């Protein structure tokens, strides 16, 4: 289905808001990238470290709030 020219030029209010926000604050995207890198983009853990963590974990019982009798 092909849209008419009128519909292909349409931009929603949200899109216009984001464009205006980026024009007012040109460094906003760089700040978003830095924030993402701070919280999400982590270096991979070496295999030796993964093995050490796996070996040092204590197995948890299925229902932690029940006392063993």
Protein backbone atom coordinates (compact mmCIF):
# COMPACT_ATOMS: atom_id res chain seq x y z
CA UNK A 1 0.00 0.00 0.00
CA UNK A 2 1.50 3.29 -1.06
CA UNK A 3 0.84 6.38 1.00
CA UNK A 4 0.10 9.72 -0.57
CA UNK A 5 2.60 12.58 -0.45
CA UNK A 6 0.58 14.24 2.25
CA UNK A 7 1.06 11.27 4.60
CA UNK A 8 4.73 10.75 3.77
CA UNK A 9 5.52 14.28 5.00
CA UNK A 10 3.73 13.78 8.33
CA UNK A 11 5.72 13.97 11.55
CA UNK A 12 4.10 13.21 14.89
CA UNK A 13 4.14 15.59 17.83
CA UNK A 14 6.60 13.29 19.59
CA UNK A 15 9.02 13.39 16.66
CA UNK A 16 8.82 17.17 16.49
CA UNK A 17 9.42 17.41 20.24
CA UNK A 18 12.52 15.20 20.05
CA UNK A 19 13.90 17.20 17.11
CA UNK A 20 13.38 20.49 18.98
CA UNK A 21 14.97 19.05 22.12
CA UNK A 22 18.03 17.94 20.15
CA UNK A 23 18.31 21.37 18.52
CA UNK A 24 18.22 23.09 21.93
CA UNK A 25 20.64 20.60 23.54
CA UNK A 26 23.08 19.33 20.90
CA UNK A 27 25.09 17.34 23.47
CA UNK A 28 22.14 15.29 24.67
CA UNK A 29 22.96 12.24 22.53
CA UNK A 30 26.56 12.18 23.75
CA UNK A 31 25.30 12.30 27.34
CA UNK A 32 22.99 9.37 26.62
CA UNK A 33 25.89 7.37 25.19
CA UNK A 34 28.04 8.12 28.24
CA UNK A 35 25.22 7.10 30.58
CA UNK A 36 24.70 3.88 28.73
CA UNK A 37 28.41 3.10 28.79
CA UNK A 38 28.47 3.76 32.52
CA UNK A 39 25.63 1.37 33.31
CA UNK A 40 25.45 -1.23 30.54
CA UNK A 41 28.52 -1.46 28.36
CA UNK A 42 30.81 -3.58 30.52
CA UNK A 43 33.95 -5.43 29.57
CA UNK A 44 33.58 -9.17 29.37
CA UNK A 45 34.72 -11.15 32.37
CA UNK A 46 37.70 -13.43 31.69
CA UNK A 47 37.01 -17.17 31.76
CA UNK A 48 39.27 -17.70 34.77
CA UNK A 49 37.23 -15.16 36.74
CA UNK A 50 33.96 -16.77 35.64
CA UNK A 51 35.21 -20.19 36.77
CA UNK A 52 36.30 -18.76 40.14
CA UNK A 53 32.89 -17.15 40.72
CA UNK A 54 31.05 -20.30 39.67
CA UNK A 55 33.16 -22.45 42.01
CA UNK A 56 32.75 -20.11 44.98
CA UNK A 57 28.96 -19.78 44.87
CA UNK A 58 26.94 -21.47 47.58
CA UNK A 59 23.95 -23.46 46.39
CA UNK A 60 20.69 -22.01 47.62
CA UNK A 61 17.80 -24.16 48.79
CA UNK A 62 14.65 -24.14 46.69
CA UNK A 63 12.49 -22.22 49.17
CA UNK A 64 14.70 -19.88 51.15
CA UNK A 65 12.15 -18.98 53.83
CA UNK A 66 11.60 -22.56 55.00
CA UNK A 67 13.83 -23.82 57.78
CA UNK A 68 15.45 -27.21 57.40
CA UNK A 69 14.08 -29.61 59.98
